[in-house]
PDB file of all heavy atoms in Angstrom:
ATOM      1  N   GLU A   1     215.393  72.701 438.205  1.00  0.00           N
ATOM      2  CA  GLU A   1     216.419  72.188 437.291  1.00  0.00           C
ATOM      3  C   GLU A   1     216.509  73.160 436.121  1.00  0.00           C
ATOM      4  O   GLU A   1     215.915  72.940 435.068  1.00  0.00           O
ATOM      5  CB  GLU A   1     216.073  70.776 436.806  1.00  0.00           C
ATOM      6  CG  GLU A   1     216.076  69.725 437.917  1.00  0.00           C
ATOM      7  CD  GLU A   1     215.764  68.345 437.375  1.00  0.00           C
ATOM      8  OE1 GLU A   1     215.623  68.212 436.137  1.00  0.00           O
ATOM      9  OE2 GLU A   1     215.660  67.401 438.170  1.00  0.00           O
ATOM     10  N   PRO A   2     217.248  74.255 436.285  1.00  0.00           N
ATOM     11  CA  PRO A   2     217.279  75.294 435.243  1.00  0.00           C
ATOM     12  C   PRO A   2     217.840  74.783 433.920  1.00  0.00           C
ATOM     13  O   PRO A   2     218.695  73.899 433.888  1.00  0.00           O
ATOM     14  CB  PRO A   2     218.190  76.375 435.839  1.00  0.00           C
ATOM     15  CG  PRO A   2     218.224  76.088 437.315  1.00  0.00           C
ATOM     16  CD  PRO A   2     218.065  74.616 437.451  1.00  0.00           C
ATOM     17  N   SER A   3     217.331  75.361 432.848  1.00  0.00           N
ATOM     18  CA  SER A   3     217.836  75.059 431.513  1.00  0.00           C
ATOM     19  C   SER A   3     217.943  76.357 430.735  1.00  0.00           C
ATOM     20  O   SER A   3     217.551  77.429 431.219  1.00  0.00           O
ATOM     21  CB  SER A   3     216.904  74.078 430.792  1.00  0.00           C
ATOM     22  OG  SER A   3     215.698  74.725 430.409  1.00  0.00           O
ATOM     23  N   ALA A   4     218.447  76.264 429.515  1.00  0.00           N
ATOM     24  CA  ALA A   4     218.597  77.451 428.679  1.00  0.00           C
ATOM     25  C   ALA A   4     217.250  78.022 428.257  1.00  0.00           C
ATOM     26  O   ALA A   4     217.180  79.158 427.791  1.00  0.00           O
ATOM     27  CB  ALA A   4     219.428  77.115 427.440  1.00  0.00           C
ATOM     28  N   HIS A   5     216.166  77.248 428.437  1.00  0.00           N
ATOM     29  CA  HIS A   5     214.833  77.699 428.016  1.00  0.00           C
ATOM     30  C   HIS A   5     213.885  77.892 429.204  1.00  0.00           C
ATOM     31  O   HIS A   5     212.667  77.861 429.041  1.00  0.00           O
ATOM     32  CB  HIS A   5     214.239  76.693 427.027  1.00  0.00           C
ATOM     33  CG  HIS A   5     215.062  76.523 425.783  1.00  0.00           C
ATOM     34  ND1 HIS A   5     215.001  77.406 424.708  1.00  0.00           N
ATOM     35  CD2 HIS A   5     215.989  75.581 425.439  1.00  0.00           C
ATOM     36  CE1 HIS A   5     215.838  77.016 423.760  1.00  0.00           C
ATOM     37  NE2 HIS A   5     216.452  75.911 424.176  1.00  0.00           N
ATOM     38  N   THR A   6     214.444  78.096 430.371  1.00  0.00           N
ATOM     39  CA  THR A   6     213.620  78.272 431.571  1.00  0.00           C
ATOM     40  C   THR A   6     212.701  79.484 431.461  1.00  0.00           C
ATOM     41  O   THR A   6     211.568  79.457 431.945  1.00  0.00           O
ATOM     42  CB  THR A   6     214.527  78.409 432.813  1.00  0.00           C
ATOM     43  OG1 THR A   6     215.233  77.184 433.012  1.00  0.00           O
ATOM     44  CG2 THR A   6     213.716  78.719 434.060  1.00  0.00           C
ATOM     45  N   PHE A   7     213.166  80.542 430.805  1.00  0.00           N
ATOM     46  CA  PHE A   7     212.410  81.799 430.778  1.00  0.00           C
ATOM     47  C   PHE A   7     211.750  82.068 429.423  1.00  0.00           C
ATOM     48  O   PHE A   7     211.397  83.219 429.131  1.00  0.00           O
ATOM     49  CB  PHE A   7     213.344  82.965 431.123  1.00  0.00           C
ATOM     50  CG  PHE A   7     214.006  82.835 432.462  1.00  0.00           C
ATOM     51  CD1 PHE A   7     215.303  82.358 432.568  1.00  0.00           C
ATOM     52  CD2 PHE A   7     213.337  83.183 433.634  1.00  0.00           C
ATOM     53  CE1 PHE A   7     215.919  82.238 433.797  1.00  0.00           C
ATOM     54  CE2 PHE A   7     213.943  83.059 434.867  1.00  0.00           C
ATOM     55  CZ  PHE A   7     215.234  82.584 434.949  1.00  0.00           C
ATOM     56  N   ASP A   8     211.573  81.044 428.607  1.00  0.00           N
ATOM     57  CA  ASP A   8     211.011  81.269 427.267  1.00  0.00           C
ATOM     58  C   ASP A   8     209.624  81.908 427.323  1.00  0.00           C
ATOM     59  O   ASP A   8     209.334  82.859 426.581  1.00  0.00           O
ATOM     60  CB  ASP A   8     210.955  79.951 426.495  1.00  0.00           C
ATOM     61  CG  ASP A   8     212.323  79.545 425.939  1.00  0.00           C
ATOM     62  OD1 ASP A   8     213.293  80.286 426.189  1.00  0.00           O
ATOM     63  OD2 ASP A   8     212.407  78.494 425.277  1.00  0.00           O
ATOM     64  N   ASP A   9     208.762  81.395 428.176  1.00  0.00           N
ATOM     65  CA  ASP A   9     207.402  81.952 428.277  1.00  0.00           C
ATOM     66  C   ASP A   9     207.433  83.390 428.786  1.00  0.00           C
ATOM     67  O   ASP A   9     206.687  84.252 428.293  1.00  0.00           O
ATOM     68  CB  ASP A   9     206.536  81.094 429.205  1.00  0.00           C
ATOM     69  CG  ASP A   9     206.235  79.721 428.613  1.00  0.00           C
ATOM     70  OD1 ASP A   9     206.378  79.562 427.385  1.00  0.00           O
ATOM     71  OD2 ASP A   9     205.883  78.800 429.382  1.00  0.00           O
ATOM     72  N   ALA A  10     208.277  83.636 429.753  1.00  0.00           N
ATOM     73  CA  ALA A  10     208.388  84.997 430.297  1.00  0.00           C
ATOM     74  C   ALA A  10     208.975  85.949 429.258  1.00  0.00           C
ATOM     75  O   ALA A  10     208.536  87.098 429.129  1.00  0.00           O
ATOM     76  CB  ALA A  10     209.250  84.992 431.556  1.00  0.00           C
ATOM     77  N   GLN A  11     209.953  85.475 428.496  1.00  0.00           N
ATOM     78  CA  GLN A  11     210.553  86.327 427.468  1.00  0.00           C
ATOM     79  C   GLN A  11     209.519  86.691 426.402  1.00  0.00           C
ATOM     80  O   GLN A  11     209.462  87.852 425.950  1.00  0.00           O
ATOM     81  CB  GLN A  11     211.742  85.618 426.830  1.00  0.00           C
ATOM     82  CG  GLN A  11     212.507  86.496 425.836  1.00  0.00           C
ATOM     83  CD  GLN A  11     213.585  85.735 425.103  1.00  0.00           C
ATOM     84  OE1 GLN A  11     213.523  84.507 424.975  1.00  0.00           O
ATOM     85  NE2 GLN A  11     214.581  86.460 424.597  1.00  0.00           N
ATOM     86  N   LEU A  12     208.711  85.735 426.015  1.00  0.00           N
ATOM     87  CA  LEU A  12     207.666  86.017 425.028  1.00  0.00           C
ATOM     88  C   LEU A  12     206.647  87.014 425.566  1.00  0.00           C
ATOM     89  O   LEU A  12     206.193  87.912 424.842  1.00  0.00           O
ATOM     90  CB  LEU A  12     206.971  84.707 424.623  1.00  0.00           C
ATOM     91  CG  LEU A  12     205.797  84.852 423.641  1.00  0.00           C
ATOM     92  CD1 LEU A  12     206.252  85.479 422.334  1.00  0.00           C
ATOM     93  CD2 LEU A  12     205.138  83.491 423.400  1.00  0.00           C
ATOM     94  N   GLN A  13     206.307  86.880 426.842  1.00  0.00           N
ATOM     95  CA  GLN A  13     205.331  87.800 427.428  1.00  0.00           C
ATOM     96  C   GLN A  13     205.883  89.228 427.479  1.00  0.00           C
ATOM     97  O   GLN A  13     205.160  90.192 427.188  1.00  0.00           O
ATOM     98  CB  GLN A  13     204.954  87.328 428.836  1.00  0.00           C
ATOM     99  CG  GLN A  13     203.777  88.077 429.443  1.00  0.00           C
ATOM    100  CD  GLN A  13     203.285  87.414 430.714  1.00  0.00           C
ATOM    101  OE1 GLN A  13     203.701  87.764 431.808  1.00  0.00           O
ATOM    102  NE2 GLN A  13     202.388  86.446 430.566  1.00  0.00           N
ATOM    103  N   ILE A  14     207.137  89.398 427.826  1.00  0.00           N
ATOM    104  CA  ILE A  14     207.740  90.732 427.866  1.00  0.00           C
ATOM    105  C   ILE A  14     207.917  91.277 426.456  1.00  0.00           C
ATOM    106  O   ILE A  14     207.729  92.479 426.208  1.00  0.00           O
ATOM    107  CB  ILE A  14     209.082  90.682 428.616  1.00  0.00           C
ATOM    108  CG1 ILE A  14     208.848  90.316 430.088  1.00  0.00           C
ATOM    109  CG2 ILE A  14     209.803  92.020 428.519  1.00  0.00           C
ATOM    110  CD1 ILE A  14     207.915  91.253 430.827  1.00  0.00           C
ATOM    111  N   TYR A  15     208.243  90.417 425.505  1.00  0.00           N
ATOM    112  CA  TYR A  15     208.360  90.842 424.110  1.00  0.00           C
ATOM    113  C   TYR A  15     207.010  91.375 423.609  1.00  0.00           C
ATOM    114  O   TYR A  15     206.952  92.428 422.945  1.00  0.00           O
ATOM    115  CB  TYR A  15     208.818  89.660 423.257  1.00  0.00           C
ATOM    116  CG  TYR A  15     209.109  89.982 421.815  1.00  0.00           C
ATOM    117  CD1 TYR A  15     210.394  90.355 421.419  1.00  0.00           C
ATOM    118  CD2 TYR A  15     208.120  89.886 420.834  1.00  0.00           C
ATOM    119  CE1 TYR A  15     210.679  90.644 420.095  1.00  0.00           C
ATOM    120  CE2 TYR A  15     208.393  90.176 419.503  1.00  0.00           C
ATOM    121  CZ  TYR A  15     209.674  90.548 419.144  1.00  0.00           C
ATOM    122  OH  TYR A  15     209.957  90.848 417.831  1.00  0.00           O
ATOM    123  N   THR A  16     205.948  90.664 423.932  1.00  0.00           N
ATOM    124  CA  THR A  16     204.607  91.110 423.530  1.00  0.00           C
ATOM    125  C   THR A  16     204.231  92.422 424.210  1.00  0.00           C
ATOM    126  O   THR A  16     203.616  93.301 423.590  1.00  0.00           O
ATOM    127  CB  THR A  16     203.577  90.021 423.875  1.00  0.00           C
ATOM    128  OG1 THR A  16     203.958  88.788 423.261  1.00  0.00           O
ATOM    129  CG2 THR A  16     202.186  90.419 423.398  1.00  0.00           C
ATOM    130  N   LEU A  17     204.612  92.565 425.469  1.00  0.00           N
ATOM    131  CA  LEU A  17     204.326  93.804 426.195  1.00  0.00           C
ATOM    132  C   LEU A  17     205.036  94.995 425.552  1.00  0.00           C
ATOM    133  O   LEU A  17     204.425  96.065 425.356  1.00  0.00           O
ATOM    134  CB  LEU A  17     204.757  93.651 427.655  1.00  0.00           C
ATOM    135  CG  LEU A  17     204.634  94.893 428.547  1.00  0.00           C
ATOM    136  CD1 LEU A  17     203.185  95.302 428.709  1.00  0.00           C
ATOM    137  CD2 LEU A  17     205.274  94.648 429.909  1.00  0.00           C
ATOM    138  N   MET A  18     206.297  94.833 425.219  1.00  0.00           N
ATOM    139  CA  MET A  18     207.025  95.924 424.572  1.00  0.00           C
ATOM    140  C   MET A  18     206.438  96.236 423.198  1.00  0.00           C
ATOM    141  O   MET A  18     206.355  97.409 422.786  1.00  0.00           O
ATOM    142  CB  MET A  18     208.515  95.563 424.446  1.00  0.00           C
ATOM    143  CG  MET A  18     209.253  95.481 425.766  1.00  0.00           C
ATOM    144  SD  MET A  18     211.070  95.322 425.555  1.00  0.00           S
ATOM    145  CE  MET A  18     211.182  93.705 424.761  1.00  0.00           C
ATOM    146  N   HIS A  19     206.030  95.191 422.482  1.00  0.00           N
ATOM    147  CA  HIS A  19     205.458  95.382 421.143  1.00  0.00           C
ATOM    148  C   HIS A  19     204.160  96.187 421.199  1.00  0.00           C
ATOM    149  O   HIS A  19     203.971  97.143 420.430  1.00  0.00           O
ATOM    150  CB  HIS A  19     205.213  94.008 420.511  1.00  0.00           C
ATOM    151  CG  HIS A  19     204.706  94.076 419.109  1.00  0.00           C
ATOM    152  ND1 HIS A  19     204.194  92.971 418.450  1.00  0.00           N
ATOM    153  CD2 HIS A  19     204.603  95.111 418.226  1.00  0.00           C
ATOM    154  CE1 HIS A  19     203.824  93.317 417.229  1.00  0.00           C
ATOM    155  NE2 HIS A  19     204.061  94.615 417.075  1.00  0.00           N
ATOM    156  N   ARG A  20     203.293  95.834 422.130  1.00  0.00           N
ATOM    157  CA  ARG A  20     201.975  96.480 422.187  1.00  0.00           C
ATOM    158  C   ARG A  20     201.989  97.813 422.922  1.00  0.00           C
ATOM    159  O   ARG A  20     201.203  98.712 422.602  1.00  0.00           O
ATOM    160  CB  ARG A  20     200.977  95.537 422.873  1.00  0.00           C
ATOM    161  CG  ARG A  20     200.700  94.262 422.090  1.00  0.00           C
ATOM    162  CD  ARG A  20     199.734  93.361 422.848  1.00  0.00           C
ATOM    163  NE  ARG A  20     199.425  92.153 422.089  1.00  0.00           N
ATOM    164  CZ  ARG A  20     198.651  91.170 422.551  1.00  0.00           C
ATOM    165  NH1 ARG A  20     198.129  91.254 423.775  1.00  0.00           N
ATOM    166  NH2 ARG A  20     198.415  90.104 421.812  1.00  0.00           N
ATOM    167  N   ASP A  21     202.877  97.944 423.889  1.00  0.00           N
ATOM    168  CA  ASP A  21     202.821  99.123 424.761  1.00  0.00           C
ATOM    169  C   ASP A  21     203.873 100.174 424.414  1.00  0.00           C
ATOM    170  O   ASP A  21     203.551 101.347 424.206  1.00  0.00           O
ATOM    171  CB  ASP A  21     202.992  98.668 426.219  1.00  0.00           C
ATOM    172  CG  ASP A  21     202.804  99.813 427.199  1.00  0.00           C
ATOM    173  OD1 ASP A  21     201.756 100.464 427.155  1.00  0.00           O
ATOM    174  OD2 ASP A  21     203.725 100.043 428.007  1.00  0.00           O
ATOM    175  N   SER A  22     205.131  99.768 424.330  1.00  0.00           N
ATOM    176  CA  SER A  22     206.217 100.736 424.175  1.00  0.00           C
ATOM    177  C   SER A  22     206.556 101.044 422.713  1.00  0.00           C
ATOM    178  O   SER A  22     206.945 102.179 422.393  1.00  0.00           O
ATOM    179  CB  SER A  22     207.478 100.219 424.886  1.00  0.00           C
ATOM    180  OG  SER A  22     207.213  99.967 426.248  1.00  0.00           O
ATOM    181  N   TYR A  23     206.431 100.054 421.855  1.00  0.00           N
ATOM    182  CA  TYR A  23     206.823 100.239 420.454  1.00  0.00           C
ATOM    183  C   TYR A  23     206.044 101.363 419.756  1.00  0.00           C
ATOM    184  O   TYR A  23     206.669 102.210 419.077  1.00  0.00           O
ATOM    185  CB  TYR A  23     206.670  98.910 419.712  1.00  0.00           C
ATOM    186  CG  TYR A  23     206.935  98.961 418.228  1.00  0.00           C
ATOM    187  CD1 TYR A  23     208.175  99.361 417.733  1.00  0.00           C
ATOM    188  CD2 TYR A  23     205.943  98.587 417.306  1.00  0.00           C
ATOM    189  CE1 TYR A  23     208.416  99.391 416.357  1.00  0.00           C
ATOM    190  CE2 TYR A  23     206.179  98.612 415.942  1.00  0.00           C
ATOM    191  CZ  TYR A  23     207.417  99.023 415.482  1.00  0.00           C
ATOM    192  OH  TYR A  23     207.663  99.067 414.116  1.00  0.00           O
ATOM    193  N   PRO A  24     204.717 101.442 419.863  1.00  0.00           N
ATOM    194  CA  PRO A  24     204.007 102.558 419.211  1.00  0.00           C
ATOM    195  C   PRO A  24     204.459 103.922 419.719  1.00  0.00           C
ATOM    196  O   PRO A  24     204.570 104.878 418.927  1.00  0.00           O
ATOM    197  CB  PRO A  24     202.535 102.287 419.560  1.00  0.00           C
ATOM    198  CG  PRO A  24     202.466 100.825 419.849  1.00  0.00           C
ATOM    199  CD  PRO A  24     203.772 100.499 420.489  1.00  0.00           C
ATOM    200  N   ARG A  25     204.742 104.034 421.009  1.00  0.00           N
ATOM    201  CA  ARG A  25     205.211 105.320 421.540  1.00  0.00           C
ATOM    202  C   ARG A  25     206.614 105.648 421.049  1.00  0.00           C
ATOM    203  O   ARG A  25     206.964 106.816 420.874  1.00  0.00           O
ATOM    204  CB  ARG A  25     205.160 105.310 423.070  1.00  0.00           C
ATOM    205  CG  ARG A  25     203.743 105.264 423.646  1.00  0.00           C
ATOM    206  CD  ARG A  25     203.733 105.708 425.112  1.00  0.00           C
ATOM    207  NE  ARG A  25     204.535 104.836 425.948  1.00  0.00           N
ATOM    208  CZ  ARG A  25     204.076 103.719 426.517  1.00  0.00           C
ATOM    209  NH1 ARG A  25     202.813 103.353 426.322  1.00  0.00           N
ATOM    210  NH2 ARG A  25     204.850 102.983 427.280  1.00  0.00           N
ATOM    211  N   PHE A  26     207.416 104.608 420.865  1.00  0.00           N
ATOM    212  CA  PHE A  26     208.764 104.848 420.345  1.00  0.00           C
ATOM    213  C   PHE A  26     208.704 105.432 418.928  1.00  0.00           C
ATOM    214  O   PHE A  26     209.464 106.370 418.597  1.00  0.00           O
ATOM    215  CB  PHE A  26     209.558 103.541 420.345  1.00  0.00           C
ATOM    216  CG  PHE A  26     210.844 103.604 419.583  1.00  0.00           C
ATOM    217  CD1 PHE A  26     211.938 104.306 420.067  1.00  0.00           C
ATOM    218  CD2 PHE A  26     210.978 102.956 418.344  1.00  0.00           C
ATOM    219  CE1 PHE A  26     213.132 104.375 419.365  1.00  0.00           C
ATOM    220  CE2 PHE A  26     212.163 103.021 417.631  1.00  0.00           C
ATOM    221  CZ  PHE A  26     213.245 103.739 418.147  1.00  0.00           C
ATOM    222  N   LEU A  27     207.809 104.929 418.075  1.00  0.00           N
ATOM    223  CA  LEU A  27     207.726 105.400 416.696  1.00  0.00           C
ATOM    224  C   LEU A  27     207.268 106.854 416.612  1.00  0.00           C
ATOM    225  O   LEU A  27     207.604 107.555 415.649  1.00  0.00           O
ATOM    226  CB  LEU A  27     206.772 104.507 415.890  1.00  0.00           C
ATOM    227  CG  LEU A  27     207.219 103.051 415.686  1.00  0.00           C
ATOM    228  CD1 LEU A  27     206.178 102.288 414.886  1.00  0.00           C
ATOM    229  CD2 LEU A  27     208.592 102.976 415.024  1.00  0.00           C
ATOM    230  N   SER A  28     206.510 107.298 417.633  1.00  0.00           N
ATOM    231  CA  SER A  28     206.054 108.695 417.640  1.00  0.00           C
ATOM    232  C   SER A  28     206.889 109.581 418.554  1.00  0.00           C
ATOM    233  O   SER A  28     206.523 110.742 418.773  1.00  0.00           O
ATOM    234  CB  SER A  28     204.581 108.756 418.079  1.00  0.00           C
ATOM    235  OG  SER A  28     204.425 108.209 419.383  1.00  0.00           O
ATOM    236  N   SER A  29     208.005 109.060 419.059  1.00  0.00           N
ATOM    237  CA  SER A  29     208.832 109.820 419.998  1.00  0.00           C
ATOM    238  C   SER A  29     209.752 110.780 419.267  1.00  0.00           C
ATOM    239  O   SER A  29     210.115 110.559 418.097  1.00  0.00           O
ATOM    240  CB  SER A  29     209.661 108.863 420.854  1.00  0.00           C
ATOM    241  OG  SER A  29     210.636 108.209 420.050  1.00  0.00           O
ATOM    242  N   PRO A  30     210.173 111.867 419.924  1.00  0.00           N
ATOM    243  CA  PRO A  30     211.156 112.781 419.319  1.00  0.00           C
ATOM    244  C   PRO A  30     212.471 112.089 418.986  1.00  0.00           C
ATOM    245  O   PRO A  30     213.141 112.466 418.009  1.00  0.00           O
ATOM    246  CB  PRO A  30     211.347 113.843 420.400  1.00  0.00           C
ATOM    247  CG  PRO A  30     210.106 113.788 421.228  1.00  0.00           C
ATOM    248  CD  PRO A  30     209.680 112.362 421.219  1.00  0.00           C
ATOM    249  N   ALA A  31     212.842 111.070 419.759  1.00  0.00           N
ATOM    250  CA  ALA A  31     214.106 110.374 419.506  1.00  0.00           C
ATOM    251  C   ALA A  31     214.076 109.673 418.155  1.00  0.00           C
ATOM    252  O   ALA A  31     215.046 109.749 417.372  1.00  0.00           O
ATOM    253  CB  ALA A  31     214.383 109.372 420.621  1.00  0.00           C
ATOM    254  N   TYR A  32     212.981 108.976 417.855  1.00  0.00           N
ATOM    255  CA  TYR A  32     212.902 108.282 416.565  1.00  0.00           C
ATOM    256  C   TYR A  32     212.775 109.273 415.414  1.00  0.00           C
ATOM    257  O   TYR A  32     213.378 109.097 414.352  1.00  0.00           O
ATOM    258  CB  TYR A  32     211.726 107.309 416.562  1.00  0.00           C
ATOM    259  CG  TYR A  32     211.598 106.528 415.279  1.00  0.00           C
ATOM    260  CD1 TYR A  32     212.589 105.632 414.893  1.00  0.00           C
ATOM    261  CD2 TYR A  32     210.495 106.701 414.432  1.00  0.00           C
ATOM    262  CE1 TYR A  32     212.491 104.919 413.696  1.00  0.00           C
ATOM    263  CE2 TYR A  32     210.388 105.984 413.245  1.00  0.00           C
ATOM    264  CZ  TYR A  32     211.387 105.098 412.886  1.00  0.00           C
ATOM    265  OH  TYR A  32     211.303 104.389 411.706  1.00  0.00           O
ATOM    266  N   ARG A  33     212.011 110.340 415.594  1.00  0.00           N
ATOM    267  CA  ARG A  33     211.880 111.358 414.547  1.00  0.00           C
ATOM    268  C   ARG A  33     213.233 112.012 414.273  1.00  0.00           C
ATOM    269  O   ARG A  33     213.565 112.332 413.125  1.00  0.00           O
ATOM    270  CB  ARG A  33     210.848 112.403 414.954  1.00  0.00           C
ATOM    271  CG  ARG A  33     209.416 111.871 414.933  1.00  0.00           C
ATOM    272  CD  ARG A  33     208.425 113.012 414.871  1.00  0.00           C
ATOM    273  NE  ARG A  33     208.560 113.912 416.023  1.00  0.00           N
ATOM    274  CZ  ARG A  33     207.845 113.789 417.138  1.00  0.00           C
ATOM    275  NH1 ARG A  33     206.971 112.789 417.259  1.00  0.00           N
ATOM    276  NH2 ARG A  33     208.017 114.652 418.115  1.00  0.00           N
ATOM    277  N   ALA A  34     214.036 112.188 415.321  1.00  0.00           N
ATOM    278  CA  ALA A  34     215.366 112.771 415.117  1.00  0.00           C
ATOM    279  C   ALA A  34     216.243 111.838 414.296  1.00  0.00           C
ATOM    280  O   ALA A  34     217.035 112.296 413.450  1.00  0.00           O
ATOM    281  CB  ALA A  34     216.003 113.053 416.468  1.00  0.00           C
ATOM    282  N   LEU A  35     216.115 110.531 414.517  1.00  0.00           N
ATOM    283  CA  LEU A  35     216.886 109.580 413.718  1.00  0.00           C
ATOM    284  C   LEU A  35     216.448 109.606 412.256  1.00  0.00           C
ATOM    285  O   LEU A  35     217.278 109.489 411.335  1.00  0.00           O
ATOM    286  CB  LEU A  35     216.728 108.171 414.294  1.00  0.00           C
ATOM    287  CG  LEU A  35     217.428 107.893 415.624  1.00  0.00           C
ATOM    288  CD1 LEU A  35     217.053 106.501 416.149  1.00  0.00           C
ATOM    289  CD2 LEU A  35     218.941 108.006 415.482  1.00  0.00           C
ATOM    290  N   LEU A  36     215.142 109.760 412.022  1.00  0.00           N
ATOM    291  CA  LEU A  36     214.653 109.853 410.649  1.00  0.00           C
ATOM    292  C   LEU A  36     215.179 111.112 409.953  1.00  0.00           C
ATOM    293  O   LEU A  36     215.608 111.068 408.791  1.00  0.00           O
ATOM    294  CB  LEU A  36     213.120 109.847 410.638  1.00  0.00           C
ATOM    295  CG  LEU A  36     212.436 108.513 410.987  1.00  0.00           C
ATOM    296  CD1 LEU A  36     210.928 108.719 411.075  1.00  0.00           C
ATOM    297  CD2 LEU A  36     212.787 107.438 409.970  1.00  0.00           C
ATOM    298  N   LEU A  37     215.138 112.230 410.684  1.00  0.00           N
ATOM    299  CA  LEU A  37     215.642 113.480 410.111  1.00  0.00           C
ATOM    300  C   LEU A  37     217.136 113.405 409.848  1.00  0.00           C
ATOM    301  O   LEU A  37     217.639 113.927 408.845  1.00  0.00           O
ATOM    302  CB  LEU A  37     215.335 114.648 411.047  1.00  0.00           C
ATOM    303  CG  LEU A  37     213.857 115.018 411.193  1.00  0.00           C
ATOM    304  CD1 LEU A  37     213.677 116.109 412.253  1.00  0.00           C
ATOM    305  CD2 LEU A  37     213.279 115.469 409.851  1.00  0.00           C
TER     306      LEU A  37
END
């Protein structure tokens, strides 16, 4: 019985994964440094 909150737990888990894994690499990436410059 799907609802608008069916994937809330999964969304939080992926949000945490991006925060811990991808976000630090993004801040040290050439793409982000180019935006700062």
